[in-house]
Amino acid sequence: MNIIIFGPPGSGKGTQAKRLADRYGIPRICTGEILRESIKKKTELGLKIKNILDAGNYVSDDIAVALVQKRLEDVDCAEGYILDGFPRTLSQAEALDEFSEVGFVLFLSVSDKEVIKRLSKRRQCPKCNKLTNISEGESCKECKVKFIIRDDDDPEVIKKRLIVYHDLTQPLMEYYKPRNLVHVINGEQSEEKVFKELLLALGDDD
């Protein structure tokens, strides 16, 4: 079961991808997390990636494709995977077709207004990288450190991320539609309702 989950920043795709991964026992592959891990290591590539992401831009197709292709070669991907944050451009989608066959494309539809509202309230633990909402308090209960605002959740960066998303990523729906792989879900519903509709799209009505 090879799945791609799409949606604008803050659409909840990461949360839903984790739930689907747990249900089906396949890995969630998040390019954002792979990139942030590279930044943590403070390598030359990591610093380059940090500058790109902090500006609200995407990394080059070559970097993204190489990272994902290498990850899909791991043994835990043999029975399937869930791609969260990849592909983000037409070139990446075409490259993915060369080394893997996609079975489902799940698209969480969320308005720009709702995205800005959600991300302006989002916080992250700098130690465990857990994402949460300001309603959860000021500190991570597990790590006992203060939550921070991610650089790419700055209001101006959010607006730029949305422009990039609409220009580069949203058109990928048209790329996959001819294969009858695309399932559009209203991402502004409750988390449980969204998850239920995702399962139905995957033919799982249990």
C-alpha atoms as a PDB file:
ATOM      1  CA  MET A   1       0.000   0.000   0.000  1.00  0.00           C
ATOM      2  CA  ASN A   2       1.903   3.033  -1.300  1.00  0.00           C
ATOM      3  CA  ILE A   3       0.215   6.269  -0.230  1.00  0.00           C
ATOM      4  CA  ILE A   4       0.864   9.969  -0.770  1.00  0.00           C
ATOM      5  CA  ILE A   5      -0.888  12.420   1.534  1.00  0.00           C
ATOM      6  CA  PHE A   6      -1.143  16.009   0.343  1.00  0.00           C
ATOM      7  CA  GLY A   7      -2.395  19.223   1.853  1.00  0.00           C
ATOM      8  CA  PRO A   8      -1.276  22.771   2.571  1.00  0.00           C
ATOM      9  CA  PRO A   9       0.888  23.577   5.609  1.00  0.00           C
ATOM     10  CA  GLY A  10      -1.132  23.030   8.768  1.00  0.00           C
ATOM     11  CA  SER A  11      -3.739  20.821   7.095  1.00  0.00           C
ATOM     12  CA  GLY A  12      -3.141  18.011   9.594  1.00  0.00           C
ATOM     13  CA  LYS A  13      -1.561  15.668   7.088  1.00  0.00           C
ATOM     14  CA  GLY A  14       1.258  14.770   9.472  1.00  0.00           C
ATOM     15  CA  THR A  15      -1.169  13.725  12.196  1.00  0.00           C
ATOM     16  CA  GLN A  16      -3.280  11.706   9.791  1.00  0.00           C
ATOM     17  CA  ALA A  17      -0.238  10.112   8.161  1.00  0.00           C
ATOM     18  CA  LYS A  18       0.940   8.895  11.587  1.00  0.00           C
ATOM     19  CA  ARG A  19      -2.472   7.398  12.313  1.00  0.00           C
ATOM     20  CA  LEU A  20      -2.563   5.612   8.962  1.00  0.00           C
ATOM     21  CA  ALA A  21       0.978   4.336   9.469  1.00  0.00           C
ATOM     22  CA  ASP A  22       0.008   2.882  12.850  1.00  0.00           C
ATOM     23  CA  ARG A  23      -3.131   1.271  11.437  1.00  0.00           C
ATOM     24  CA  TYR A  24      -1.440  -0.416   8.502  1.00  0.00           C
ATOM     25  CA  GLY A  25       2.000  -1.063   9.988  1.00  0.00           C
ATOM     26  CA  ILE A  26       3.855   0.819   7.277  1.00  0.00           C
ATOM     27  CA  PRO A  27       6.306   3.710   7.732  1.00  0.00           C
ATOM     28  CA  ARG A  28       5.370   7.376   7.497  1.00  0.00           C
ATOM     29  CA  ILE A  29       8.096   9.099   5.540  1.00  0.00           C
ATOM     30  CA  CYS A  30       8.133  12.808   6.268  1.00  0.00           C
ATOM     31  CA  THR A  31      10.610  14.768   4.184  1.00  0.00           C
ATOM     32  CA  GLY A  32      10.306  17.686   6.594  1.00  0.00           C
ATOM     33  CA  GLU A  33      11.572  15.528   9.453  1.00  0.00           C
ATOM     34  CA  ILE A  34      14.376  14.110   7.319  1.00  0.00           C
ATOM     35  CA  LEU A  35      15.426  17.643   6.416  1.00  0.00           C
ATOM     36  CA  ARG A  36      15.252  18.883  10.007  1.00  0.00           C
ATOM     37  CA  GLU A  37      17.402  15.917  11.087  1.00  0.00           C
ATOM     38  CA  SER A  38      19.990  17.017   8.522  1.00  0.00           C
ATOM     39  CA  ILE A  39      19.856  20.540   9.988  1.00  0.00           C
ATOM     40  CA  LYS A  40      20.401  19.176  13.510  1.00  0.00           C
ATOM     41  CA  LYS A  41      23.613  17.483  12.395  1.00  0.00           C
ATOM     42  CA  LYS A  42      24.881  20.919  11.260  1.00  0.00           C
ATOM     43  CA  THR A  43      26.510  19.532   8.159  1.00  0.00           C
ATOM     44  CA  GLU A  44      27.178  21.799   5.196  1.00  0.00           C
ATOM     45  CA  LEU A  45      24.074  20.400   3.523  1.00  0.00           C
ATOM     46  CA  GLY A  46      22.086  20.825   6.734  1.00  0.00           C
ATOM     47  CA  LEU A  47      22.974  24.523   7.001  1.00  0.00           C
ATOM     48  CA  LYS A  48      22.063  25.038   3.358  1.00  0.00           C
ATOM     49  CA  ILE A  49      18.705  23.335   3.942  1.00  0.00           C
ATOM     50  CA  LYS A  50      18.040  25.486   7.025  1.00  0.00           C
ATOM     51  CA  ASN A  51      18.489  28.709   5.073  1.00  0.00           C
ATOM     52  CA  ILE A  52      16.107  27.475   2.379  1.00  0.00           C
ATOM     53  CA  LEU A  53      13.385  26.363   4.806  1.00  0.00           C
ATOM     54  CA  ASP A  54      13.655  29.448   7.013  1.00  0.00           C
ATOM     55  CA  ALA A  55      12.894  31.559   3.958  1.00  0.00           C
ATOM     56  CA  GLY A  56       9.717  29.568   3.315  1.00  0.00           C
ATOM     57  CA  ASN A  57      11.052  27.866   0.198  1.00  0.00           C
ATOM     58  CA  TYR A  58      11.393  24.211  -0.809  1.00  0.00           C
ATOM     59  CA  VAL A  59      14.721  22.411  -1.119  1.00  0.00           C
ATOM     60  CA  SER A  60      15.851  21.531  -4.640  1.00  0.00           C
ATOM     61  CA  ASP A  61      14.236  18.580  -6.369  1.00  0.00           C
ATOM     62  CA  ASP A  62      17.575  16.766  -6.535  1.00  0.00           C
ATOM     63  CA  ILE A  63      18.023  16.862  -2.751  1.00  0.00           C
ATOM     64  CA  ALA A  64      14.429  15.839  -1.998  1.00  0.00           C
ATOM     65  CA  VAL A  65      14.368  13.003  -4.532  1.00  0.00           C
ATOM     66  CA  ALA A  66      17.702  11.576  -3.369  1.00  0.00           C
ATOM     67  CA  LEU A  67      16.592  11.580   0.291  1.00  0.00           C
ATOM     68  CA  VAL A  68      13.271   9.858  -0.460  1.00  0.00           C
ATOM     69  CA  GLN A  69      14.688   7.300  -2.889  1.00  0.00           C
ATOM     70  CA  LYS A  70      17.297   6.270  -0.340  1.00  0.00           C
ATOM     71  CA  ARG A  71      14.626   5.971   2.374  1.00  0.00           C
ATOM     72  CA  LEU A  72      12.346   3.810   0.214  1.00  0.00           C
ATOM     73  CA  GLU A  73      15.157   1.305  -0.174  1.00  0.00           C
ATOM     74  CA  ASP A  74      14.944   0.460   3.532  1.00  0.00           C
ATOM     75  CA  VAL A  75      13.454  -2.916   4.399  1.00  0.00           C
ATOM     76  CA  ASP A  76      10.518  -1.462   6.354  1.00  0.00           C
ATOM     77  CA  CYS A  77       9.121   0.000   3.117  1.00  0.00           C
ATOM     78  CA  ALA A  78       8.742  -3.411   1.472  1.00  0.00           C
ATOM     79  CA  GLU A  79       5.020  -3.629   2.282  1.00  0.00           C
ATOM     80  CA  GLY A  80       4.243   0.011   1.581  1.00  0.00           C
ATOM     81  CA  TYR A  81       4.724   3.544   2.841  1.00  0.00           C
ATOM     82  CA  ILE A  82       3.011   6.872   3.433  1.00  0.00           C
ATOM     83  CA  LEU A  83       4.756   9.874   1.907  1.00  0.00           C
ATOM     84  CA  ASP A  84       4.102  13.081   3.839  1.00  0.00           C
ATOM     85  CA  GLY A  85       5.556  16.175   2.173  1.00  0.00           C
ATOM     86  CA  PHE A  86       6.748  14.497  -1.018  1.00  0.00           C
ATOM     87  CA  PRO A  87       6.431  14.985  -3.938  1.00  0.00           C
ATOM     88  CA  ARG A  88       6.056  18.755  -3.860  1.00  0.00           C
ATOM     89  CA  THR A  89       6.756  19.550  -7.495  1.00  0.00           C
ATOM     90  CA  LEU A  90       5.970  17.992 -10.861  1.00  0.00           C
ATOM     91  CA  SER A  91       9.631  17.047 -11.297  1.00  0.00           C
ATOM     92  CA  GLN A  92       9.588  15.202  -7.974  1.00  0.00           C
ATOM     93  CA  ALA A  93       6.389  13.358  -8.943  1.00  0.00           C
ATOM     94  CA  GLU A  94       7.905  12.285 -12.248  1.00  0.00           C
ATOM     95  CA  ALA A  95      11.076  11.144 -10.477  1.00  0.00           C
ATOM     96  CA  LEU A  96       9.033   9.138  -7.945  1.00  0.00           C
ATOM     97  CA  ASP A  97       7.334   7.291 -10.811  1.00  0.00           C
ATOM     98  CA  GLU A  98      10.742   6.027 -11.889  1.00  0.00           C
ATOM     99  CA  PHE A  99      11.444   4.120  -8.673  1.00  0.00           C
ATOM    100  CA  SER A 100       8.051   3.468  -7.044  1.00  0.00           C
ATOM    101  CA  GLU A 101       4.390   2.945  -7.942  1.00  0.00           C
ATOM    102  CA  VAL A 102       1.832   5.085  -6.109  1.00  0.00           C
ATOM    103  CA  GLY A 103      -1.470   3.462  -5.127  1.00  0.00           C
ATOM    104  CA  PHE A 104      -3.397   6.289  -3.438  1.00  0.00           C
ATOM    105  CA  VAL A 105      -3.187  10.084  -3.402  1.00  0.00           C
ATOM    106  CA  LEU A 106      -5.037  11.587  -0.443  1.00  0.00           C
ATOM    107  CA  PHE A 107      -5.626  15.338  -0.504  1.00  0.00           C
ATOM    108  CA  LEU A 108      -6.669  17.267   2.611  1.00  0.00           C
ATOM    109  CA  SER A 109      -8.463  20.413   1.479  1.00  0.00           C
ATOM    110  CA  VAL A 110      -8.064  23.369   3.875  1.00  0.00           C
ATOM    111  CA  SER A 111      -8.547  27.085   3.115  1.00  0.00           C
ATOM    112  CA  ASP A 112      -5.683  29.576   3.367  1.00  0.00           C
ATOM    113  CA  LYS A 113      -7.551  31.410   6.124  1.00  0.00           C
ATOM    114  CA  GLU A 114      -7.781  28.252   8.229  1.00  0.00           C
ATOM    115  CA  VAL A 115      -4.117  27.415   7.565  1.00  0.00           C
ATOM    116  CA  ILE A 116      -2.945  30.809   8.836  1.00  0.00           C
ATOM    117  CA  LYS A 117      -5.207  30.473  11.881  1.00  0.00           C
ATOM    118  CA  ARG A 118      -3.850  27.023  12.739  1.00  0.00           C
ATOM    119  CA  LEU A 119      -0.160  27.712  12.173  1.00  0.00           C
ATOM    120  CA  SER A 120      -0.183  30.972  14.099  1.00  0.00           C
ATOM    121  CA  LYS A 121      -1.140  28.885  17.158  1.00  0.00           C
ATOM    122  CA  ARG A 122       1.298  26.046  16.519  1.00  0.00           C
ATOM    123  CA  ARG A 123       4.306  25.416  18.760  1.00  0.00           C
ATOM    124  CA  GLN A 124       7.131  22.843  18.779  1.00  0.00           C
ATOM    125  CA  CYS A 125       9.290  21.240  21.416  1.00  0.00           C
ATOM    126  CA  PRO A 126      12.931  21.990  20.495  1.00  0.00           C
ATOM    127  CA  LYS A 127      14.036  18.701  22.069  1.00  0.00           C
ATOM    128  CA  CYS A 128      11.605  16.006  20.859  1.00  0.00           C
ATOM    129  CA  ASN A 129      10.179  18.047  17.941  1.00  0.00           C
ATOM    130  CA  LYS A 130       6.604  17.391  19.064  1.00  0.00           C
ATOM    131  CA  LEU A 131       4.146  19.792  17.427  1.00  0.00           C
ATOM    132  CA  THR A 132       1.328  21.135  19.545  1.00  0.00           C
ATOM    133  CA  ASN A 133      -1.059  24.055  20.033  1.00  0.00           C
ATOM    134  CA  ILE A 134      -0.651  27.015  22.385  1.00  0.00           C
ATOM    135  CA  SER A 135      -3.597  25.633  24.355  1.00  0.00           C
ATOM    136  CA  GLU A 136      -1.296  22.833  25.587  1.00  0.00           C
ATOM    137  CA  GLY A 137       0.684  25.290  27.709  1.00  0.00           C
ATOM    138  CA  GLU A 138       4.141  26.807  27.461  1.00  0.00           C
ATOM    139  CA  SER A 139       6.304  23.727  28.034  1.00  0.00           C
ATOM    140  CA  CYS A 140       6.595  20.139  26.789  1.00  0.00           C
ATOM    141  CA  LYS A 141       5.336  17.829  29.526  1.00  0.00           C
ATOM    142  CA  GLU A 142       7.747  15.052  28.526  1.00  0.00           C
ATOM    143  CA  CYS A 143      10.919  17.102  27.974  1.00  0.00           C
ATOM    144  CA  LYS A 144      10.244  19.919  30.466  1.00  0.00           C
ATOM    145  CA  VAL A 145      11.471  22.553  28.014  1.00  0.00           C
ATOM    146  CA  LYS A 146       9.646  25.580  26.656  1.00  0.00           C
ATOM    147  CA  PHE A 147       7.834  25.312  23.331  1.00  0.00           C
ATOM    148  CA  ILE A 148       9.068  27.512  20.506  1.00  0.00           C
ATOM    149  CA  ILE A 149       7.579  28.938  17.316  1.00  0.00           C
ATOM    150  CA  ARG A 150       9.115  27.228  14.304  1.00  0.00           C
ATOM    151  CA  ASP A 151      10.892  29.623  11.953  1.00  0.00           C
ATOM    152  CA  ASP A 152       8.658  28.522   9.085  1.00  0.00           C
ATOM    153  CA  ASP A 153       5.524  29.234  11.160  1.00  0.00           C
ATOM    154  CA  ASP A 154       6.213  32.963  11.244  1.00  0.00           C
ATOM    155  CA  PRO A 155       3.109  34.725   9.765  1.00  0.00           C
ATOM    156  CA  GLU A 156       4.992  36.199   6.812  1.00  0.00           C
ATOM    157  CA  VAL A 157       6.725  32.910   6.086  1.00  0.00           C
ATOM    158  CA  ILE A 158       3.354  31.110   6.291  1.00  0.00           C
ATOM    159  CA  LYS A 159       1.958  33.369   3.557  1.00  0.00           C
ATOM    160  CA  LYS A 160       4.974  32.675   1.393  1.00  0.00           C
ATOM    161  CA  ARG A 161       4.687  28.922   2.019  1.00  0.00           C
ATOM    162  CA  LEU A 162       1.082  29.052   0.853  1.00  0.00           C
ATOM    163  CA  ILE A 163       2.048  30.865  -2.351  1.00  0.00           C
ATOM    164  CA  VAL A 164       4.720  28.246  -3.043  1.00  0.00           C
ATOM    165  CA  TYR A 165       2.252  25.458  -2.227  1.00  0.00           C
ATOM    166  CA  HIS A 166      -0.404  26.771  -4.626  1.00  0.00           C
ATOM    167  CA  ASP A 167       2.152  27.353  -7.375  1.00  0.00           C
ATOM    168  CA  LEU A 168       4.069  24.088  -7.147  1.00  0.00           C
ATOM    169  CA  THR A 169       2.257  21.418  -5.133  1.00  0.00           C
ATOM    170  CA  GLN A 170      -1.482  21.857  -5.700  1.00  0.00           C
ATOM    171  CA  PRO A 171      -1.115  21.334  -9.495  1.00  0.00           C
ATOM    172  CA  LEU A 172       0.072  17.786  -8.758  1.00  0.00           C
ATOM    173  CA  MET A 173      -3.586  16.853  -8.266  1.00  0.00           C
ATOM    174  CA  GLU A 174      -3.995  17.237 -12.021  1.00  0.00           C
ATOM    175  CA  TYR A 175      -0.927  15.071 -12.580  1.00  0.00           C
ATOM    176  CA  TYR A 176      -2.433  12.158 -10.641  1.00  0.00           C
ATOM    177  CA  LYS A 177      -6.127  12.567 -11.562  1.00  0.00           C
ATOM    178  CA  PRO A 178      -5.933  10.682 -14.890  1.00  0.00           C
ATOM    179  CA  ARG A 179      -4.882   7.565 -12.962  1.00  0.00           C
ATOM    180  CA  ASN A 180      -7.965   7.757 -10.699  1.00  0.00           C
ATOM    181  CA  LEU A 181      -5.735   7.843  -7.624  1.00  0.00           C
ATOM    182  CA  VAL A 182      -6.874  11.130  -6.079  1.00  0.00           C
ATOM    183  CA  HIS A 183      -9.264  11.303  -3.112  1.00  0.00           C
ATOM    184  CA  VAL A 184     -10.154  14.774  -1.785  1.00  0.00           C
ATOM    185  CA  ILE A 185     -11.055  15.025   1.908  1.00  0.00           C
ATOM    186  CA  ASN A 186     -12.372  18.086   3.737  1.00  0.00           C
ATOM    187  CA  GLY A 187      -9.506  18.763   6.132  1.00  0.00           C
ATOM    188  CA  GLU A 188     -11.450  21.340   8.150  1.00  0.00           C
ATOM    189  CA  GLN A 189     -13.506  18.645   9.877  1.00  0.00           C
ATOM    190  CA  SER A 190     -12.611  17.078  13.217  1.00  0.00           C
ATOM    191  CA  GLU A 191      -9.537  14.853  13.324  1.00  0.00           C
ATOM    192  CA  GLU A 192     -11.705  11.753  13.798  1.00  0.00           C
ATOM    193  CA  LYS A 193     -14.005  12.626  10.899  1.00  0.00           C
ATOM    194  CA  VAL A 194     -11.060  13.258   8.592  1.00  0.00           C
ATOM    195  CA  PHE A 195      -9.472   9.947   9.594  1.00  0.00           C
ATOM    196  CA  LYS A 196     -12.708   8.053   8.977  1.00  0.00           C
ATOM    197  CA  GLU A 197     -13.022   9.543   5.478  1.00  0.00           C
ATOM    198  CA  LEU A 198      -9.398   8.703   4.717  1.00  0.00           C
ATOM    199  CA  LEU A 199     -10.041   5.078   5.651  1.00  0.00           C
ATOM    200  CA  LEU A 200     -13.082   4.988   3.374  1.00  0.00           C
ATOM    201  CA  ALA A 201     -10.976   6.399   0.526  1.00  0.00           C
ATOM    202  CA  LEU A 202      -8.541   3.533   1.091  1.00  0.00           C
ATOM    203  CA  GLY A 203     -11.373   1.000   0.952  1.00  0.00           C
ATOM    204  CA  ASP A 204     -11.214   0.403   4.693  1.00  0.00           C
ATOM    205  CA  ASP A 205     -14.742   0.682   6.079  1.00  0.00           C
ATOM    206  CA  ASP A 206     -14.081  -1.233   9.310  1.00  0.00           C
END
